Amino acid sequence: MKYELYVDLWFVTNFTMDAIALWVAGRIMKQRIRFKWLLLASFIGTAVSISLFLLLNHYTWYQIIVHLLVNPMMVWICFQGREKKVFLCQWAITYLAVVLLGGLMQWSIFYLGGEKFFIICLVGALLFLGLVEKMLGYFQRQKDTVFNLLLVTQEGNLKAKGFFDTGNLLIDPTLGRPVHIIKKDILKEQLEKEMLLVRLIPFHSLGREHGLLEAVTIEGMYILREGHPLYLERPVLGLAEEKLFQDDRYDVILNGKSMEI
């Protein structure tokens, strides 16, 4: 069986798929995409791949070199990453995107009767990858809003997890400070020893127009953000039962204004 190879069509198709795959990897990894490097990497990767195909007589060696050398080289040229872990993630995402796009192209040509269907499949692939990006972004945002906390009390320091909630804007009317909501059991020992002065502050929420919340003031609280910690002096903590918290990922609902202090 003989096949006709149109090098120009092959070059354009592979160049386009490589460029899209690199763009998808950059978007998912939240990397800065410099299009001149993206286009250069796609051009070099496609040109080297075609040259190897025409020069090598052994198809297995062609596959090994392209997958293990050419593709990683293309990813490095595009992103020029220095961290091994990040580079491997970029390579993996690019590789999966190329496989997906290549598979859709072959499927559309052989089973749908022509290359025009490849455009439809390509749009579908991009929509799918966009959905994946949105989902990954959502989970990343969820992760980024949970912080390690260090509560400074007279009895010593306590470790906890804090969820940054922009919807919590409760203010202590007496002190004029933001109120963070904490699981009451976290401060159980200090409360039993009466080391903390409990007072009531008014609040309102959905389904409850007026209410009173037990609150205490501790010595300090560190919000251990990546890069640099944030120290809050004499933070106000509202005491709540565990049923208020959705899961066990966090112990404190940080006030939406706490990052502004």
Protein backbone atom coordinates (compact mmCIF):
# COMPACT_ATOMS: atom_id res chain seq x y z
CA MET A 1 0.00 0.00 0.00
CA LYS A 2 1.32 3.43 -0.94
CA TYR A 3 0.61 6.77 0.71
CA GLU A 4 1.03 10.23 -0.75
CA LEU A 5 2.77 12.60 1.61
CA TYR A 6 2.15 16.31 1.24
CA VAL A 7 4.94 17.85 3.25
CA ASP A 8 3.46 21.35 3.19
CA LEU A 9 0.07 20.15 4.50
CA TRP A 10 1.79 17.98 7.12
CA PHE A 11 3.94 20.91 8.24
CA VAL A 12 0.98 23.30 8.60
CA THR A 13 -1.13 20.70 10.43
CA ASN A 14 1.62 19.69 12.88
CA PHE A 15 2.74 23.27 13.42
CA THR A 16 -0.84 24.26 14.27
CA MET A 17 -1.36 21.35 16.65
CA ASP A 18 1.97 21.94 18.39
CA ALA A 19 1.19 25.63 18.83
CA ILE A 20 -2.27 24.88 20.24
CA ALA A 21 -0.84 22.21 22.58
CA LEU A 22 1.80 24.62 23.94
CA TRP A 23 -0.81 27.33 24.37
CA VAL A 24 -3.07 24.93 26.29
CA ALA A 25 -0.17 23.87 28.53
CA GLY A 26 0.64 27.50 29.27
CA ARG A 27 -2.96 28.31 30.10
CA ILE A 28 -3.47 25.32 32.39
CA MET A 29 -0.13 25.87 34.15
CA LYS A 30 -0.83 29.60 34.49
CA GLN A 31 2.43 30.37 32.72
CA ARG A 32 3.16 33.56 30.86
CA ILE A 33 2.80 32.80 27.15
CA ARG A 34 5.27 34.64 24.93
CA PHE A 35 3.96 34.06 21.42
CA LYS A 36 7.26 34.61 19.66
CA TRP A 37 8.77 31.73 21.65
CA LEU A 38 5.63 29.64 21.23
CA LEU A 39 5.74 30.06 17.45
CA LEU A 40 9.50 29.45 17.33
CA ALA A 41 9.18 26.27 19.42
CA SER A 42 6.33 24.99 17.22
CA PHE A 43 8.30 25.75 14.05
CA ILE A 44 11.48 24.05 15.28
CA GLY A 45 9.60 21.05 16.66
CA THR A 46 7.68 20.53 13.42
CA ALA A 47 10.71 21.11 11.18
CA VAL A 48 12.91 18.68 13.13
CA SER A 49 10.16 16.04 13.24
CA ILE A 50 9.60 16.16 9.47
CA SER A 51 13.34 16.11 8.79
CA LEU A 52 13.79 13.05 10.98
CA PHE A 53 10.89 11.31 9.25
CA LEU A 54 12.48 11.89 5.83
CA LEU A 55 16.01 10.97 6.95
CA LEU A 56 15.47 7.96 9.20
CA ASN A 57 14.64 4.61 7.68
CA HIS A 58 13.56 3.04 10.98
CA TYR A 59 10.14 4.31 12.11
CA THR A 60 10.64 3.10 15.69
CA TRP A 61 13.74 5.26 16.11
CA TYR A 62 11.83 8.18 14.63
CA GLN A 63 9.09 7.78 17.26
CA ILE A 64 11.57 7.46 20.13
CA ILE A 65 13.55 10.55 19.14
CA VAL A 66 10.44 12.68 18.53
CA HIS A 67 8.72 11.71 21.79
CA LEU A 68 11.74 11.74 24.09
CA LEU A 69 13.89 14.49 22.57
CA VAL A 70 12.04 16.72 20.10
CA ASN A 71 8.88 17.25 22.12
CA PRO A 72 10.72 18.07 25.40
CA MET A 73 13.01 20.41 23.44
CA MET A 74 9.97 22.18 21.99
CA VAL A 75 8.43 22.62 25.47
CA TRP A 76 11.70 23.97 26.89
CA ILE A 77 12.12 26.48 24.04
CA CYS A 78 8.59 27.76 24.58
CA PHE A 79 8.61 28.12 28.38
CA GLN A 80 12.35 28.03 29.19
CA GLY A 81 11.53 26.69 32.64
CA ARG A 82 14.30 25.94 35.12
CA GLU A 83 12.31 23.95 37.67
CA LYS A 84 12.29 20.25 36.87
CA LYS A 85 8.85 19.59 38.34
CA VAL A 86 7.22 22.46 36.44
CA PHE A 87 8.93 21.40 33.20
CA LEU A 88 7.69 17.82 33.55
CA CYS A 89 4.12 19.09 34.09
CA GLN A 90 4.39 21.33 31.03
CA TRP A 91 5.71 18.44 28.96
CA ALA A 92 2.97 16.06 30.17
CA ILE A 93 0.14 18.50 29.43
CA THR A 94 1.59 19.40 26.01
CA TYR A 95 2.01 15.72 25.15
CA LEU A 96 -1.56 14.87 26.14
CA ALA A 97 -2.91 17.81 24.15
CA VAL A 98 -0.94 16.73 21.05
CA VAL A 99 -2.20 13.15 21.40
CA LEU A 100 -5.78 14.36 21.77
CA LEU A 101 -5.61 16.68 18.77
CA GLY A 102 -3.79 14.08 16.63
CA GLY A 103 -6.30 11.40 17.52
CA LEU A 104 -9.21 13.68 16.66
CA MET A 105 -7.64 14.52 13.32
CA GLN A 106 -7.13 10.87 12.37
CA TRP A 107 -10.60 9.92 13.55
CA SER A 108 -12.25 12.75 11.63
CA ILE A 109 -10.39 11.91 8.40
CA PHE A 110 -10.95 8.16 8.43
CA TYR A 111 -14.41 7.94 10.00
CA LEU A 112 -16.15 11.18 9.12
CA GLY A 113 -15.04 11.30 5.52
CA GLY A 114 -12.76 14.28 5.18
CA GLU A 115 -10.55 16.95 6.69
CA LYS A 116 -13.39 19.46 6.97
CA PHE A 117 -14.65 17.50 9.96
CA PHE A 118 -11.27 17.99 11.60
CA ILE A 119 -12.14 21.66 12.09
CA ILE A 120 -15.31 20.66 13.94
CA CYS A 121 -13.38 18.20 16.08
CA LEU A 122 -10.67 20.77 16.70
CA VAL A 123 -13.21 23.26 18.00
CA GLY A 124 -14.66 20.51 20.20
CA ALA A 125 -11.20 19.66 21.53
CA LEU A 126 -10.49 23.29 22.36
CA LEU A 127 -13.83 23.60 24.17
CA PHE A 128 -13.04 20.43 26.12
CA LEU A 129 -9.57 21.68 27.05
CA GLY A 130 -11.09 25.02 28.03
CA LEU A 131 -13.48 23.21 30.36
CA VAL A 132 -10.58 21.28 31.89
CA GLU A 133 -8.74 24.58 32.41
CA LYS A 134 -11.76 26.09 34.16
CA MET A 135 -12.09 23.06 36.45
CA LEU A 136 -8.39 23.09 37.33
CA GLY A 137 -8.59 26.83 37.96
CA TYR A 138 -11.55 26.32 40.28
CA PHE A 139 -9.77 23.68 42.35
CA GLN A 140 -6.63 25.82 42.42
CA ARG A 141 -8.62 28.81 43.70
CA GLN A 142 -10.15 26.61 46.38
CA LYS A 143 -6.66 25.52 47.40
CA ASP A 144 -5.33 29.07 47.36
CA THR A 145 -8.03 30.32 49.76
CA VAL A 146 -7.06 27.90 52.56
CA PHE A 147 -4.12 29.06 54.66
CA ASN A 148 -2.11 27.68 57.55
CA LEU A 149 -2.69 29.73 60.69
CA LEU A 150 -0.78 30.18 63.92
CA LEU A 151 -2.95 31.42 66.78
CA VAL A 152 -1.02 33.20 69.52
CA THR A 153 -2.65 32.83 72.96
CA GLN A 154 -1.54 33.22 76.56
CA GLU A 155 -1.43 29.43 76.87
CA GLY A 156 0.80 29.05 73.82
CA ASN A 157 0.52 28.84 70.06
CA LEU A 158 -2.11 26.80 68.25
CA LYS A 159 -2.00 25.61 64.65
CA ALA A 160 -5.14 25.78 62.52
CA LYS A 161 -6.41 26.03 58.95
CA GLY A 162 -8.14 29.18 57.79
CA PHE A 163 -10.53 29.65 54.86
CA PHE A 164 -10.53 33.15 53.36
CA ASP A 165 -14.21 33.98 52.86
CA THR A 166 -14.99 37.23 51.05
CA GLY A 167 -18.59 36.85 52.21
CA ASN A 168 -17.66 37.14 55.88
CA LEU A 169 -17.61 40.89 56.54
CA LEU A 170 -18.70 40.84 60.18
CA ILE A 171 -17.27 43.72 62.23
CA ASP A 172 -17.03 43.98 66.00
CA PRO A 173 -19.02 47.17 66.70
CA THR A 174 -17.13 47.85 69.94
CA LEU A 175 -13.56 47.51 68.66
CA GLY A 176 -14.26 48.18 64.99
CA ARG A 177 -12.23 45.11 63.96
CA PRO A 178 -13.04 42.28 61.54
CA VAL A 179 -14.44 39.14 63.18
CA HIS A 180 -13.09 35.73 62.19
CA ILE A 181 -15.21 32.66 62.92
CA ILE A 182 -13.46 29.77 64.69
CA LYS A 183 -14.52 26.31 65.79
CA LYS A 184 -15.24 26.62 69.48
CA ASP A 185 -13.39 23.37 70.25
CA ILE A 186 -10.08 24.87 69.04
CA LEU A 187 -10.09 27.20 72.07
CA LYS A 188 -11.80 24.74 74.42
CA GLU A 189 -8.88 24.51 76.87
CA GLN A 190 -8.45 28.29 77.15
CA LEU A 191 -12.21 28.76 77.58
CA GLU A 192 -12.44 26.13 80.33
CA LYS A 193 -9.57 27.80 82.21
CA GLU A 194 -11.32 31.17 81.72
CA MET A 195 -8.17 32.55 80.10
CA LEU A 196 -10.28 34.31 77.48
CA LEU A 197 -12.93 36.93 78.13
CA VAL A 198 -16.12 35.95 76.30
CA ARG A 199 -18.45 38.71 75.17
CA LEU A 200 -21.42 38.95 72.82
CA ILE A 201 -21.47 40.82 69.53
CA PRO A 202 -24.54 41.32 67.32
CA PHE A 203 -24.75 39.79 63.85
CA HIS A 204 -27.27 39.08 61.14
CA SER A 205 -27.27 36.41 58.49
CA LEU A 206 -29.50 34.83 55.89
CA GLY A 207 -32.60 33.51 57.65
CA ARG A 208 -31.73 35.29 60.90
CA GLU A 209 -32.12 39.03 61.00
CA HIS A 210 -30.75 39.55 64.52
CA GLY A 211 -28.49 37.38 66.65
CA LEU A 212 -25.72 37.39 69.22
CA LEU A 213 -22.37 35.67 68.72
CA GLU A 214 -19.91 34.74 71.44
CA ALA A 215 -16.52 36.27 70.70
CA VAL A 216 -13.06 36.47 72.21
CA THR A 217 -9.89 38.41 71.49
CA ILE A 218 -6.55 36.58 71.39
CA GLU A 219 -3.00 37.90 71.41
CA GLY A 220 -2.36 37.54 67.69
CA MET A 221 -2.76 35.43 64.57
CA TYR A 222 -0.35 34.66 61.73
CA ILE A 223 -1.83 33.97 58.30
CA LEU A 224 0.97 31.99 56.65
CA ARG A 225 0.54 33.11 53.07
CA GLU A 226 2.97 31.86 50.45
CA GLY A 227 5.80 34.35 50.09
CA HIS A 228 5.28 36.31 53.30
CA PRO A 229 3.10 35.79 56.40
CA LEU A 230 0.51 38.31 57.57
CA TYR A 231 0.32 39.08 61.29
CA LEU A 232 -2.94 40.29 62.83
CA GLU A 233 -2.62 41.86 66.24
CA ARG A 234 -5.40 41.19 68.76
CA PRO A 235 -7.80 39.53 66.29
CA VAL A 236 -11.43 39.01 67.24
CA LEU A 237 -12.67 35.42 66.95
CA GLY A 238 -16.34 34.52 66.91
CA LEU A 239 -17.05 31.14 68.51
CA ALA A 240 -19.14 28.74 66.43
CA GLU A 241 -20.14 25.10 66.56
CA GLU A 242 -18.60 22.68 64.05
CA LYS A 243 -21.88 22.29 62.14
CA LEU A 244 -21.28 25.76 60.69
CA PHE A 245 -18.18 24.48 58.86
CA GLN A 246 -18.75 22.61 55.61
CA ASP A 247 -15.87 20.15 56.00
CA ASP A 248 -12.68 19.47 57.92
CA ARG A 249 -10.40 21.37 55.53
CA TYR A 250 -10.39 24.43 57.78
CA ASP A 251 -11.02 25.49 61.38
CA VAL A 252 -11.34 29.26 60.94
CA ILE A 253 -13.42 31.33 58.51
CA LEU A 254 -11.22 34.35 57.91
CA ASN A 255 -12.89 37.73 57.53
CA GLY A 256 -13.09 39.09 53.98
CA LYS A 257 -11.29 42.25 55.11
CA SER A 258 -8.45 40.48 56.91
CA MET A 259 -6.08 40.71 53.93
CA GLU A 260 -6.55 44.47 53.77
CA ILE A 261 -5.11 45.05 57.23
